[in-house]
Amino acid sequence: MKVRLVVVSLLALFAGCSSTSQPEASASPETIPVVGIPNYASPIHRAVLGRPGEWAVRNTAEKEAVAACMLERGWRGFGPNLSLVELPETVEEHHAFGEQFGYGITTQLEIDRATVPASEDPSAPFWDSLSADERERVQKDLWSPPDADVEGCVYVGHKAAWGSLLLFSNDYLDAQSESGNEVRADPEFVAVLRAWAECVREQGEQFDSQDAIIKYLSKELAGIENDLGRLPTSKDPAVQKLMRREMTLFGIDTRCDAEVGYTTTYFTVQDRIEAEYVDDPVFADNSLPPLPSD
């Protein structure tokens, strides 16, 4: 889950807010933090998904299993392009993205222009060949829930690669939520969060968390959209100004993060707290199937 993917939902959340909104301090446990690099190798993730070094192989196996399931149901030409678990970015990819796009909020407009056109989507020929009725049937064959008479192929493929649907269970979601609340309330993390906020204030900004910066920029962009009465583009002067503001804030955030150890402390506390959760039989007894190459 990349930071720029989190931002997309925030844009919808704050649509309709005024462009004159001020930066918000947001230090409550419910709202912090948006950590720079998602910790996909945390104990709960490892219990559900296995070792990160195996993910590329399992991701490919999942896509191939979905395609094989669709072929069994009569859909020729549905290639191995769909999975429920996408590969996370590496630390190097994260830093490279940040240097060019910051948080990916206002700069997301630039990313959208740089994405592969739909016509180059490898699954496009298959979808273009379907009638409206066939599309409906394909969606049913793909996404029928696990408790349906015939389970959707996305779930069949996911279980073939990862062994279970634990990643989408209430057990997993509850553990993520509860452990996250504990991390955010942990004295070690609270102390480093305050140090980060103080560092940011010394740079002339008033934000109490990375999440507060994300929310502020998202509100500003939504306000520009309201003022324009249309979707903003990177050519709009107000957007260009906000882009510069985003990159400035990202630079301050990055420097303060490195100075006080915001992200590394979060991960350290997260590992300590999540280690208690994975002792639960729900996670401890979870086993992944052998890798396809085994």
Protein backbone atom coordinates (compact mmCIF):
# COMPACT_ATOMS: atom_id res chain seq x y z
CA MET A 1 0.00 0.00 0.00
CA LYS A 2 1.88 3.13 -1.16
CA VAL A 3 1.34 6.54 0.34
CA ARG A 4 0.05 7.84 -2.97
CA LEU A 5 -2.70 5.19 -2.89
CA VAL A 6 -3.84 6.39 0.52
CA VAL A 7 -4.00 9.90 -0.88
CA VAL A 8 -6.57 8.97 -3.51
CA SER A 9 -9.14 8.12 -0.83
CA LEU A 10 -8.30 11.27 1.08
CA LEU A 11 -9.10 13.41 -1.96
CA ALA A 12 -12.62 12.03 -1.97
CA LEU A 13 -12.90 12.37 1.80
CA PHE A 14 -12.17 16.06 1.75
CA ALA A 15 -13.98 17.03 -1.45
CA GLY A 16 -16.01 20.18 -0.97
CA CYS A 17 -13.71 21.87 1.54
CA SER A 18 -12.68 25.47 1.07
CA SER A 19 -9.34 26.31 -0.48
CA THR A 20 -8.77 28.85 2.27
CA SER A 21 -8.51 26.14 4.94
CA GLN A 22 -5.54 26.33 7.27
CA PRO A 23 -3.12 23.54 8.20
CA GLU A 24 -4.65 21.31 10.82
CA ALA A 25 -2.89 19.91 13.83
CA SER A 26 -3.83 16.26 14.13
CA ALA A 27 -2.23 14.45 17.03
CA SER A 28 -5.04 12.19 18.24
CA PRO A 29 -4.38 8.42 18.19
CA GLU A 30 -7.20 7.97 15.68
CA THR A 31 -5.53 10.03 12.97
CA ILE A 32 -1.79 9.33 13.14
CA PRO A 33 0.44 8.42 11.47
CA VAL A 34 0.75 8.22 7.72
CA VAL A 35 4.22 6.72 7.83
CA GLY A 36 6.44 7.35 4.84
CA ILE A 37 7.15 3.73 3.92
CA PRO A 38 4.48 1.10 4.64
CA ASN A 39 5.93 -1.72 6.75
CA TYR A 40 4.83 -4.69 4.66
CA ALA A 41 7.32 -6.88 6.53
CA SER A 42 5.68 -6.32 9.95
CA PRO A 43 4.85 -9.44 12.00
CA ILE A 44 1.14 -9.52 11.11
CA HIS A 45 1.89 -9.14 7.40
CA ARG A 46 4.51 -11.89 7.55
CA ALA A 47 2.06 -14.19 9.34
CA VAL A 48 -0.50 -13.72 6.58
CA LEU A 49 1.66 -13.27 3.48
CA GLY A 50 4.94 -14.97 4.34
CA ARG A 51 8.41 -13.63 3.65
CA PRO A 52 8.55 -10.52 1.43
CA GLY A 53 11.19 -12.22 -0.70
CA GLU A 54 8.54 -14.73 -1.81
CA TRP A 55 5.86 -12.22 -2.74
CA ALA A 56 6.82 -11.76 -6.39
CA VAL A 57 6.55 -15.52 -7.00
CA ARG A 58 3.24 -15.80 -5.14
CA ASN A 59 1.87 -12.72 -6.89
CA THR A 60 2.58 -14.30 -10.28
CA ALA A 61 1.11 -17.60 -9.12
CA GLU A 62 -2.06 -15.81 -7.99
CA LYS A 63 -2.55 -14.14 -11.36
CA GLU A 64 -1.95 -17.40 -13.21
CA ALA A 65 -4.42 -19.24 -10.95
CA VAL A 66 -7.10 -16.62 -11.59
CA ALA A 67 -6.56 -16.93 -15.35
CA ALA A 68 -6.69 -20.74 -15.16
CA CYS A 69 -9.93 -20.59 -13.19
CA MET A 70 -11.47 -18.27 -15.78
CA LEU A 71 -10.37 -20.60 -18.59
CA GLU A 72 -12.07 -23.51 -16.83
CA ARG A 73 -15.26 -21.44 -16.85
CA GLY A 74 -15.01 -20.91 -20.58
CA TRP A 75 -13.35 -17.48 -20.77
CA ARG A 76 -10.51 -17.80 -23.23
CA GLY A 77 -8.21 -14.84 -23.52
CA PHE A 78 -8.41 -13.77 -19.88
CA GLY A 79 -4.71 -13.35 -19.25
CA PRO A 80 -2.81 -13.51 -15.94
CA ASN A 81 -3.31 -9.84 -15.13
CA LEU A 82 -5.44 -9.78 -11.97
CA SER A 83 -4.58 -10.43 -8.32
CA LEU A 84 -5.84 -9.30 -4.92
CA VAL A 85 -2.31 -8.75 -3.63
CA GLU A 86 -0.13 -6.34 -5.56
CA LEU A 87 3.59 -6.07 -4.97
CA PRO A 88 4.62 -3.28 -2.60
CA GLU A 89 7.20 -0.74 -3.59
CA THR A 90 10.76 -1.12 -2.39
CA VAL A 91 12.39 1.44 -0.14
CA GLU A 92 14.40 2.62 -3.14
CA GLU A 93 11.24 3.02 -5.24
CA HIS A 94 9.58 4.92 -2.42
CA HIS A 95 12.41 7.41 -2.14
CA ALA A 96 12.63 7.83 -5.91
CA PHE A 97 8.89 8.54 -6.03
CA GLY A 98 9.13 11.04 -3.18
CA GLU A 99 11.95 12.96 -4.78
CA GLN A 100 9.88 13.45 -7.93
CA PHE A 101 6.31 13.60 -6.64
CA GLY A 102 6.37 14.28 -2.89
CA TYR A 103 3.28 12.71 -1.34
CA GLY A 104 1.59 12.30 -4.72
CA ILE A 105 -1.38 14.56 -3.96
CA THR A 106 -1.18 17.54 -6.29
CA THR A 107 1.53 15.76 -8.26
CA GLN A 108 -0.83 12.82 -8.76
CA LEU A 109 -2.19 14.85 -11.66
CA GLU A 110 1.19 14.48 -13.35
CA ILE A 111 1.29 10.78 -12.59
CA ASP A 112 -2.10 10.27 -14.17
CA ARG A 113 -0.85 11.86 -17.39
CA ALA A 114 2.16 9.56 -17.36
CA THR A 115 0.25 6.30 -16.85
CA VAL A 116 -0.09 3.69 -19.58
CA PRO A 117 -3.09 4.45 -21.80
CA ALA A 118 -6.04 2.08 -21.44
CA SER A 119 -5.44 0.84 -24.99
CA GLU A 120 -2.10 -0.59 -23.81
CA ASP A 121 -3.67 -2.46 -20.91
CA PRO A 122 -2.87 -6.15 -21.56
CA SER A 123 -6.42 -7.12 -20.59
CA ALA A 124 -8.04 -4.55 -22.91
CA PRO A 125 -8.44 -6.87 -25.96
CA PHE A 126 -10.31 -9.40 -23.83
CA TRP A 127 -12.71 -6.85 -22.35
CA ASP A 128 -13.22 -5.09 -25.68
CA SER A 129 -14.34 -8.37 -27.26
CA LEU A 130 -17.22 -8.88 -24.80
CA SER A 131 -20.85 -7.98 -25.15
CA ALA A 132 -22.65 -6.26 -22.27
CA ASP A 133 -24.15 -9.58 -21.19
CA GLU A 134 -20.77 -11.32 -21.34
CA ARG A 135 -19.17 -8.57 -19.25
CA GLU A 136 -21.78 -9.13 -16.56
CA ARG A 137 -21.11 -12.86 -16.55
CA VAL A 138 -17.36 -12.33 -16.41
CA GLN A 139 -17.75 -10.04 -13.40
CA LYS A 140 -19.83 -12.70 -11.69
CA ASP A 141 -17.27 -15.41 -12.43
CA LEU A 142 -14.52 -13.18 -11.12
CA TRP A 143 -16.07 -11.63 -8.03
CA SER A 144 -18.79 -13.94 -6.68
CA PRO A 145 -18.10 -14.00 -2.92
CA PRO A 146 -16.46 -16.96 -1.22
CA ASP A 147 -19.76 -18.06 0.30
CA ALA A 148 -21.55 -18.13 -3.09
CA ASP A 149 -22.54 -21.38 -4.76
CA VAL A 150 -19.62 -20.87 -7.15
CA GLU A 151 -16.75 -18.90 -5.66
CA GLY A 152 -15.27 -16.09 -7.75
CA CYS A 153 -11.99 -16.81 -9.52
CA VAL A 154 -10.18 -13.96 -7.76
CA TYR A 155 -10.70 -15.76 -4.46
CA VAL A 156 -9.88 -19.17 -5.94
CA GLY A 157 -6.63 -17.76 -7.29
CA HIS A 158 -5.76 -15.96 -4.07
CA LYS A 159 -6.17 -19.11 -1.99
CA ALA A 160 -4.10 -21.12 -4.47
CA ALA A 161 -1.16 -18.76 -3.99
CA TRP A 162 -1.56 -17.65 -0.37
CA GLY A 163 -3.43 -20.55 1.21
CA SER A 164 -6.40 -18.70 2.71
CA LEU A 165 -8.44 -15.53 2.67
CA LEU A 166 -7.07 -14.47 6.06
CA LEU A 167 -5.89 -11.19 4.54
CA PHE A 168 -9.54 -10.18 4.08
CA SER A 169 -10.88 -11.59 7.37
CA ASN A 170 -12.15 -9.68 10.39
CA ASP A 171 -9.38 -11.35 12.39
CA TYR A 172 -6.76 -9.65 10.24
CA LEU A 173 -8.56 -6.32 10.02
CA ASP A 174 -9.22 -6.20 13.76
CA ALA A 175 -5.62 -7.09 14.57
CA GLN A 176 -4.37 -4.36 12.23
CA SER A 177 -6.70 -1.77 13.76
CA GLU A 178 -6.11 -2.69 17.39
CA SER A 179 -2.33 -3.01 17.07
CA GLY A 180 -2.21 0.28 15.17
CA ASN A 181 -4.01 2.05 17.99
CA GLU A 182 -1.56 0.58 20.47
CA VAL A 183 1.41 1.73 18.39
CA ARG A 184 0.07 5.28 18.16
CA ALA A 185 -0.50 5.43 21.91
CA ASP A 186 2.87 3.90 22.80
CA PRO A 187 5.07 6.32 24.83
CA GLU A 188 8.11 5.63 22.65
CA PHE A 189 6.27 6.61 19.49
CA VAL A 190 4.42 9.54 21.10
CA ALA A 191 7.78 10.98 22.15
CA VAL A 192 9.25 10.77 18.66
CA LEU A 193 6.06 12.20 17.16
CA ARG A 194 6.40 15.25 19.40
CA ALA A 195 10.05 15.57 18.42
CA TRP A 196 9.06 15.43 14.74
CA ALA A 197 6.39 18.12 15.23
CA GLU A 198 8.90 20.34 17.05
CA CYS A 199 11.38 19.91 14.20
CA VAL A 200 8.67 20.88 11.70
CA ARG A 201 7.80 23.97 13.77
CA GLU A 202 11.45 24.99 13.73
CA GLN A 203 11.12 24.97 9.93
CA GLY A 204 8.24 27.44 10.17
CA GLU A 205 5.33 24.99 9.76
CA GLN A 206 2.57 23.97 12.16
CA PHE A 207 1.80 20.29 11.66
CA ASP A 208 1.64 17.72 14.43
CA SER A 209 1.84 14.63 12.21
CA GLN A 210 2.51 13.53 8.66
CA ASP A 211 -1.19 12.75 8.41
CA ALA A 212 -1.99 16.40 9.11
CA ILE A 213 0.12 17.44 6.11
CA ILE A 214 -1.69 14.94 3.88
CA LYS A 215 -5.08 16.21 5.01
CA TYR A 216 -4.11 19.85 4.53
CA LEU A 217 -2.87 19.34 0.98
CA SER A 218 -5.90 17.24 0.10
CA LYS A 219 -8.27 19.92 1.36
CA GLU A 220 -6.43 22.58 -0.56
CA LEU A 221 -6.67 20.61 -3.80
CA ALA A 222 -10.38 19.93 -3.22
CA GLY A 223 -10.85 23.65 -2.67
CA ILE A 224 -9.17 24.46 -5.97
CA GLU A 225 -11.52 22.04 -7.70
CA ASN A 226 -14.51 23.77 -6.10
CA ASP A 227 -13.24 27.20 -7.18
CA LEU A 228 -12.65 26.05 -10.76
CA GLY A 229 -15.88 24.09 -11.03
CA ARG A 230 -14.01 21.28 -12.78
CA LEU A 231 -11.22 18.81 -12.23
CA PRO A 232 -7.95 20.72 -11.81
CA THR A 233 -4.95 20.09 -14.03
CA SER A 234 -1.25 20.64 -13.57
CA LYS A 235 -1.48 23.68 -15.87
CA ASP A 236 -3.71 25.60 -13.46
CA PRO A 237 -1.69 28.30 -11.64
CA ALA A 238 -3.29 27.45 -8.30
CA VAL A 239 -2.32 23.79 -8.73
CA GLN A 240 1.23 24.71 -9.69
CA LYS A 241 1.50 26.83 -6.54
CA LEU A 242 0.17 23.97 -4.41
CA MET A 243 2.59 21.56 -6.09
CA ARG A 244 5.49 23.74 -4.98
CA ARG A 245 3.99 23.87 -1.50
CA GLU A 246 3.69 20.07 -1.42
CA MET A 247 7.30 19.54 -2.41
CA THR A 248 8.45 22.03 0.23
CA LEU A 249 6.46 20.28 2.94
CA PHE A 250 7.66 16.88 1.78
CA GLY A 251 11.24 18.08 2.04
CA ILE A 252 10.70 19.36 5.58
CA ASP A 253 8.93 16.15 6.56
CA THR A 254 11.72 13.99 5.13
CA ARG A 255 14.46 15.94 6.89
CA CYS A 256 12.65 15.87 10.23
CA ASP A 257 11.80 12.19 9.82
CA ALA A 258 15.49 11.41 9.36
CA GLU A 259 16.53 13.72 12.20
CA VAL A 260 14.27 12.26 14.90
CA GLY A 261 13.71 8.74 13.53
CA TYR A 262 9.94 9.03 13.07
CA THR A 263 9.47 6.15 10.61
CA THR A 264 12.10 3.85 12.08
CA THR A 265 10.67 4.30 15.59
CA TYR A 266 7.17 3.57 14.33
CA PHE A 267 8.37 0.34 12.75
CA THR A 268 10.29 -0.67 15.88
CA VAL A 269 7.25 -0.14 18.11
CA GLN A 270 5.00 -1.83 15.54
CA ASP A 271 7.19 -4.93 15.47
CA ARG A 272 7.17 -5.15 19.26
CA ILE A 273 3.40 -4.80 19.59
CA GLU A 274 2.41 -6.95 16.60
CA ALA A 275 4.61 -9.80 17.87
CA GLU A 276 2.02 -10.37 20.60
CA TYR A 277 -0.82 -10.56 18.07
CA VAL A 278 0.76 -13.20 15.86
CA ASP A 279 0.87 -15.62 18.80
CA ASP A 280 -2.89 -15.94 18.34
CA PRO A 281 -3.68 -19.33 16.74
CA VAL A 282 -5.50 -17.52 13.92
CA PHE A 283 -2.10 -16.28 12.73
CA ALA A 284 0.24 -18.82 14.31
CA ASP A 285 -1.57 -21.73 12.64
CA ASN A 286 -1.80 -20.05 9.23
CA SER A 287 0.31 -21.90 6.67
CA LEU A 288 1.12 -20.89 3.13
CA PRO A 289 1.27 -23.46 0.32
CA PRO A 290 4.68 -24.35 -1.11
CA LEU A 291 6.04 -21.92 -3.65
CA PRO A 292 5.34 -22.96 -7.26
CA SER A 293 9.04 -23.61 -7.79
CA ASP A 294 9.24 -25.92 -4.75
